[in-house]
Amino acid sequence: MIKVRVIDLNLISFDLKDFKNVYYKRKGAKWLPFLFILLSHLGFGQMNLSGKSGLMYIPDAKEIDTGGFRLGYNYNPVDYGLRGKGLNPENILFFNLAVVNRLELNLSFLKMVSTEKRKVKEALGDRQLDVRYLLFKEKRKWPSVAIALSTPFTIDAAMLTQVIVATKHFKLSENIDLEATAGYGSPYFLYRAEDNLTNSNIFSNMKWQKKSEYKYNNGYLTGPFGGVKLEYQKKAGLMAEWDSQKLNVGAYGIIGKRWTVQAGLLNFDQVMFGSSFAMDLFKPTTKVKKLYE
């Protein structure tokens, strides 16, 4: 029998400014950061905010093995909320599947976190399906190149991705690798200008929209972006990126080949963090193999 324990992601939300005033008032809340770290020690490649292979905010163009499946969680602090800066912090839950080694599907749920300062009630939050396709694999002298696009069927999304991105690896020593990524995010996107009361046809009322004129004018991945990652033995690394708006730095570690924990300092003033778990759907674990021996 498999037992599943459901964890309310709202309970592990964390913000430097509001943490003491909001969450320490709850019984046992002071242990939550330590609980998060403990759970994280239970990754394989670290993920960006929306759940794609990347750094902190920006995606990369790395090739993913067919059948690779990753699920995880990221926390976005209040001052950089995608649905409204300074309103509420946000939880992002994501699921990522490499259908083949060139094609990935990414499903994400962005949910605002209710605080004592600003109460919100949401179910699953913004649901968004993204597609990433690897145009060119990395060669000795050339980078890998990929496009990542949010599907145009959404009627309400704040974490839109319409980018082309390139990634190149450099071997600095036996243990240290450098990964460089650069890309450009489109200032326009295609979406459905509908509301929930008229949302009966996923192809209805398509509209070409300028992001700066959209209700979520957050600038997420709009314009040039880039970053570097310094990796040690493919187990831990340091990151720095320009996400088209601000400079972010961070670090990550991979424990047990499947679990990844990461944290970043956005614009050098607020913390984001996350964790993800990876598995290969085409390669059963040793314990599963033994069941059929």
Protein backbone atom coordinates (compact mmCIF):
# COMPACT_ATOMS: atom_id res chain seq x y z
CA MET A 1 0.00 0.00 0.00
CA ILE A 2 1.27 3.46 -0.88
CA LYS A 3 0.51 6.23 1.59
CA VAL A 4 0.36 9.79 0.29
CA ARG A 5 0.64 12.76 2.59
CA VAL A 6 -0.79 16.00 1.27
CA ILE A 7 1.08 19.16 2.26
CA ASP A 8 -0.57 22.57 2.04
CA LEU A 9 1.94 24.67 0.11
CA ASN A 10 0.58 27.82 1.74
CA LEU A 11 2.09 26.65 5.02
CA ILE A 12 5.64 26.66 3.69
CA SER A 13 5.48 30.09 2.06
CA PHE A 14 8.28 32.34 3.20
CA ASP A 15 9.05 36.04 2.77
CA LEU A 16 11.82 37.98 4.47
CA LYS A 17 9.62 40.95 5.33
CA ASP A 18 6.43 39.18 6.43
CA PHE A 19 7.75 35.97 7.97
CA LYS A 20 7.90 37.07 11.61
CA ASN A 21 4.67 39.06 11.50
CA VAL A 22 2.56 36.47 9.69
CA TYR A 23 3.81 32.93 10.06
CA TYR A 24 5.45 32.87 13.49
CA LYS A 25 2.03 33.51 15.01
CA ARG A 26 0.98 30.02 13.97
CA LYS A 27 1.81 27.19 16.31
CA GLY A 28 4.97 25.39 15.21
CA ALA A 29 5.52 27.71 12.26
CA LYS A 30 9.07 28.50 13.34
CA TRP A 31 10.01 24.93 12.42
CA LEU A 32 8.70 25.14 8.85
CA PRO A 33 11.94 26.38 7.20
CA PHE A 34 13.82 23.50 8.83
CA LEU A 35 11.12 21.06 7.72
CA PHE A 36 11.49 22.32 4.16
CA ILE A 37 15.24 21.76 4.23
CA LEU A 38 14.74 18.28 5.67
CA LEU A 39 12.27 17.33 2.95
CA SER A 40 14.63 18.59 0.29
CA HIS A 41 17.30 16.12 1.39
CA LEU A 42 15.21 13.32 0.31
CA GLY A 43 17.51 16.19 -7.77
CA PHE A 44 18.54 15.82 -11.02
CA GLY A 45 19.08 19.19 -12.68
CA GLN A 46 17.60 22.33 -11.26
CA MET A 47 14.51 24.07 -12.61
CA ASN A 48 13.48 27.66 -13.19
CA LEU A 49 10.46 29.39 -11.65
CA SER A 50 7.90 27.86 -14.03
CA GLY A 51 9.38 24.35 -13.88
CA LYS A 52 11.55 24.27 -17.00
CA SER A 53 15.22 23.36 -17.05
CA GLY A 54 17.04 26.61 -16.37
CA LEU A 55 18.41 28.88 -13.67
CA MET A 56 16.12 30.88 -11.36
CA TYR A 57 13.76 32.79 -13.66
CA ILE A 58 15.24 32.06 -17.07
CA PRO A 59 14.98 28.76 -19.02
CA ASP A 60 17.86 27.11 -20.85
CA ALA A 61 18.17 24.97 -24.00
CA LYS A 62 19.56 21.77 -22.48
CA GLU A 63 18.59 18.44 -24.01
CA ILE A 64 16.45 16.25 -21.75
CA ASP A 65 16.33 12.45 -22.04
CA THR A 66 13.11 10.97 -23.42
CA GLY A 67 10.80 9.94 -20.60
CA GLY A 68 12.28 12.34 -18.07
CA PHE A 69 9.58 13.43 -15.62
CA ARG A 70 10.01 16.15 -12.99
CA LEU A 71 7.69 17.64 -10.44
CA GLY A 72 8.37 20.36 -7.95
CA TYR A 73 7.56 23.55 -6.14
CA ASN A 74 8.90 27.11 -6.25
CA TYR A 75 8.23 30.11 -4.04
CA ASN A 76 8.16 33.62 -5.53
CA PRO A 77 8.47 36.48 -2.97
CA VAL A 78 5.91 39.24 -2.58
CA ASP A 79 7.90 42.14 -4.07
CA TYR A 80 8.26 40.23 -7.36
CA GLY A 81 4.80 38.66 -7.56
CA LEU A 82 3.85 38.03 -11.18
CA ARG A 83 0.16 38.75 -10.57
CA GLY A 84 0.95 42.00 -8.78
CA LYS A 85 4.19 43.26 -7.30
CA GLY A 86 3.92 43.94 -3.59
CA LEU A 87 0.51 42.26 -3.27
CA ASN A 88 1.07 38.61 -2.30
CA PRO A 89 3.84 36.04 -2.50
CA GLU A 90 3.19 33.14 -4.86
CA ASN A 91 3.45 29.34 -4.87
CA ILE A 92 4.23 27.57 -8.14
CA LEU A 93 3.60 23.84 -8.50
CA PHE A 94 4.84 22.25 -11.74
CA PHE A 95 5.00 18.99 -13.69
CA ASN A 96 7.43 18.57 -16.59
CA LEU A 97 7.58 15.67 -19.07
CA ALA A 98 10.09 15.07 -21.89
CA VAL A 99 7.85 13.39 -24.47
CA VAL A 100 10.94 12.86 -26.64
CA ASN A 101 14.44 14.30 -26.20
CA ARG A 102 13.47 17.38 -28.24
CA LEU A 103 9.93 18.00 -26.98
CA GLU A 104 8.86 18.89 -23.44
CA LEU A 105 5.46 19.63 -21.94
CA ASN A 106 5.28 21.73 -18.79
CA LEU A 107 2.15 22.16 -16.66
CA SER A 108 2.25 24.80 -13.92
CA PHE A 109 -0.10 26.15 -11.26
CA LEU A 110 0.59 29.65 -9.94
CA LYS A 111 -1.30 30.46 -6.74
CA MET A 112 -1.19 33.65 -4.69
CA VAL A 113 -0.53 33.11 -0.98
CA SER A 114 -3.03 34.57 1.46
CA THR A 115 -1.47 36.69 4.20
CA GLU A 116 -2.82 38.68 7.13
CA LYS A 117 -2.20 41.86 5.17
CA ARG A 118 -4.07 40.70 2.06
CA LYS A 119 -6.44 37.74 2.12
CA VAL A 120 -7.04 35.81 -1.11
CA LYS A 121 -9.08 32.73 -1.93
CA GLU A 122 -8.03 30.63 -4.89
CA ALA A 123 -8.49 27.01 -5.90
CA LEU A 124 -5.62 25.76 -8.07
CA GLY A 125 -4.61 29.21 -9.26
CA ASP A 126 -3.41 30.06 -12.78
CA ARG A 127 -3.14 26.87 -14.83
CA GLN A 128 -0.74 27.04 -17.73
CA LEU A 129 0.59 24.57 -20.30
CA ASP A 130 3.94 25.35 -21.95
CA VAL A 131 5.77 23.60 -24.76
CA ARG A 132 9.55 23.60 -25.25
CA TYR A 133 11.13 22.28 -28.44
CA LEU A 134 14.86 21.78 -29.02
CA LEU A 135 15.65 23.16 -32.47
CA PHE A 136 19.37 22.30 -32.48
CA LYS A 137 21.37 20.02 -30.23
CA GLU A 138 24.64 21.28 -28.81
CA LYS A 139 27.75 20.65 -30.90
CA ARG A 140 31.43 21.12 -30.13
CA LYS A 141 31.46 24.65 -31.54
CA TRP A 142 27.76 25.50 -31.46
CA PRO A 143 25.20 25.90 -28.65
CA SER A 144 21.90 24.10 -28.34
CA VAL A 145 18.90 26.23 -29.32
CA ALA A 146 15.31 25.87 -28.15
CA ILE A 147 12.00 27.69 -28.22
CA ALA A 148 9.55 27.72 -25.31
CA LEU A 149 5.95 28.82 -25.80
CA SER A 150 2.93 29.12 -23.54
CA THR A 151 -0.11 27.66 -25.29
CA PRO A 152 -2.58 30.35 -26.50
CA PHE A 153 -5.62 28.68 -24.92
CA THR A 154 -5.30 30.44 -21.58
CA ILE A 155 -7.63 33.29 -20.58
CA ASP A 156 -5.74 34.41 -17.48
CA ALA A 157 -2.00 33.83 -17.05
CA ALA A 158 0.81 35.83 -15.47
CA MET A 159 3.80 33.54 -16.08
CA LEU A 160 3.81 33.74 -19.88
CA THR A 161 6.80 32.33 -21.78
CA GLN A 162 7.49 33.05 -25.46
CA VAL A 163 11.26 32.78 -25.85
CA ILE A 164 14.10 31.55 -28.00
CA VAL A 165 17.16 30.53 -26.00
CA ALA A 166 20.66 29.08 -26.57
CA THR A 167 22.93 27.20 -24.14
CA LYS A 168 26.62 26.22 -24.37
CA HIS A 169 28.74 24.16 -21.97
CA PHE A 170 32.45 24.65 -21.26
CA LYS A 171 34.68 22.20 -19.41
CA LEU A 172 36.89 24.24 -17.08
CA SER A 173 38.47 21.35 -15.20
CA GLU A 174 37.86 17.72 -14.32
CA ASN A 175 35.29 18.71 -11.70
CA ILE A 176 34.02 22.11 -12.80
CA ASP A 177 31.76 22.97 -15.74
CA LEU A 178 30.51 26.34 -16.93
CA GLU A 179 27.14 26.67 -18.62
CA ALA A 180 26.22 29.90 -20.44
CA THR A 181 22.68 30.74 -21.55
CA ALA A 182 21.29 33.67 -23.53
CA GLY A 183 17.90 34.32 -25.06
CA TYR A 184 15.17 36.74 -26.02
CA GLY A 185 11.57 36.93 -24.87
CA SER A 186 8.87 38.17 -27.23
CA PRO A 187 7.02 41.38 -26.20
CA TYR A 188 3.86 39.93 -27.82
CA PHE A 189 1.75 36.83 -27.23
CA LEU A 190 -1.41 35.13 -28.47
CA TYR A 191 -4.22 34.46 -26.00
CA ARG A 192 -8.00 34.20 -25.68
CA ALA A 193 -9.75 37.43 -24.69
CA GLU A 194 -12.49 35.65 -22.73
CA ASP A 195 -13.70 35.38 -19.16
CA ASN A 196 -14.96 32.39 -17.20
CA LEU A 197 -18.60 33.05 -18.12
CA THR A 198 -17.87 32.80 -21.86
CA ASN A 199 -15.12 30.20 -21.65
CA SER A 200 -16.79 27.39 -23.62
CA ASN A 201 -14.49 27.07 -26.65
CA ILE A 202 -10.70 26.85 -26.32
CA PHE A 203 -10.28 28.42 -29.78
CA SER A 204 -12.63 31.35 -29.29
CA ASN A 205 -11.75 35.05 -29.48
CA MET A 206 -8.01 34.67 -30.10
CA LYS A 207 -6.13 37.96 -29.74
CA TRP A 208 -2.60 39.14 -30.52
CA GLN A 209 -1.62 41.08 -27.40
CA LYS A 210 1.31 43.30 -26.42
CA LYS A 211 2.53 42.20 -23.00
CA SER A 212 3.03 45.76 -21.74
CA GLU A 213 -0.67 46.42 -22.39
CA TYR A 214 -1.89 43.19 -20.78
CA LYS A 215 -3.41 43.26 -17.29
CA TYR A 216 -0.32 41.47 -15.93
CA ASN A 217 2.33 43.91 -17.10
CA ASN A 218 5.08 42.19 -15.09
CA GLY A 219 7.79 42.08 -17.76
CA TYR A 220 8.47 38.39 -17.11
CA LEU A 221 10.97 37.14 -19.74
CA THR A 222 10.31 40.08 -22.07
CA GLY A 223 13.38 41.21 -23.97
CA PRO A 224 17.00 39.95 -23.71
CA PHE A 225 18.01 37.67 -20.84
CA GLY A 226 21.00 35.52 -19.98
CA GLY A 227 22.91 33.79 -17.24
CA VAL A 228 25.79 31.54 -16.22
CA LYS A 229 25.97 28.48 -14.03
CA LEU A 230 29.14 27.14 -12.42
CA GLU A 231 28.69 23.45 -11.60
CA TYR A 232 30.81 21.18 -9.41
CA GLN A 233 30.75 17.45 -10.26
CA LYS A 234 27.15 17.81 -11.46
CA LYS A 235 26.08 17.84 -7.82
CA ALA A 236 26.00 21.52 -6.85
CA GLY A 237 26.38 24.90 -8.45
CA LEU A 238 26.27 28.68 -8.32
CA MET A 239 24.09 30.78 -10.62
CA ALA A 240 23.85 34.36 -11.81
CA GLU A 241 21.29 35.67 -14.29
CA TRP A 242 19.74 38.74 -15.86
CA ASP A 243 16.05 37.85 -16.24
CA SER A 244 15.30 40.82 -18.57
CA GLN A 245 14.52 43.07 -15.57
CA LYS A 246 16.85 42.38 -12.66
CA LEU A 247 20.04 40.62 -11.61
CA ASN A 248 19.62 37.46 -9.54
CA VAL A 249 22.12 35.13 -7.88
CA GLY A 250 21.59 31.70 -6.39
CA ALA A 251 22.82 28.21 -5.60
CA TYR A 252 21.53 24.66 -5.83
CA GLY A 253 22.42 21.15 -4.72
CA ILE A 254 21.46 17.70 -5.96
CA ILE A 255 20.94 14.97 -3.39
CA GLY A 256 20.61 11.31 -4.22
CA LYS A 257 20.51 11.97 -8.00
CA ARG A 258 16.78 12.75 -7.95
CA TRP A 259 16.03 15.57 -5.52
CA THR A 260 17.19 19.12 -6.13
CA VAL A 261 17.01 22.03 -3.70
CA GLN A 262 17.76 25.59 -4.77
CA ALA A 263 17.52 29.16 -3.54
CA GLY A 264 18.10 32.55 -5.07
CA LEU A 265 18.37 36.20 -4.13
CA LEU A 266 16.23 38.26 -6.50
CA ASN A 267 17.65 41.71 -7.21
CA PHE A 268 19.81 41.15 -4.10
CA ASP A 269 16.89 41.85 -1.75
CA GLN A 270 14.35 39.00 -1.61
CA VAL A 271 14.66 35.21 -1.40
CA MET A 272 13.06 32.69 -3.71
CA PHE A 273 13.46 28.94 -3.18
CA GLY A 274 12.26 25.62 -4.50
CA SER A 275 12.73 21.91 -4.76
CA SER A 276 12.04 19.29 -7.42
CA PHE A 277 12.09 15.53 -7.87
CA ALA A 278 13.09 13.77 -11.10
CA MET A 279 12.51 10.27 -12.42
CA ASP A 280 12.95 8.38 -15.67
CA LEU A 281 9.65 6.82 -16.71
CA PHE A 282 11.45 4.42 -19.04
CA LYS A 283 13.91 3.15 -16.43
CA PRO A 284 12.34 1.48 -13.38
CA THR A 285 14.12 1.77 -10.06
CA THR A 286 16.06 -1.12 -8.56
CA LYS A 287 13.24 -1.84 -6.08
CA VAL A 288 10.67 -2.04 -8.88
CA LYS A 289 12.93 -4.37 -10.91
CA LYS A 290 13.24 -6.73 -7.95
CA LEU A 291 9.46 -7.08 -7.74
CA TYR A 292 9.47 -8.73 -11.16
CA GLU A 293 12.58 -10.87 -10.80
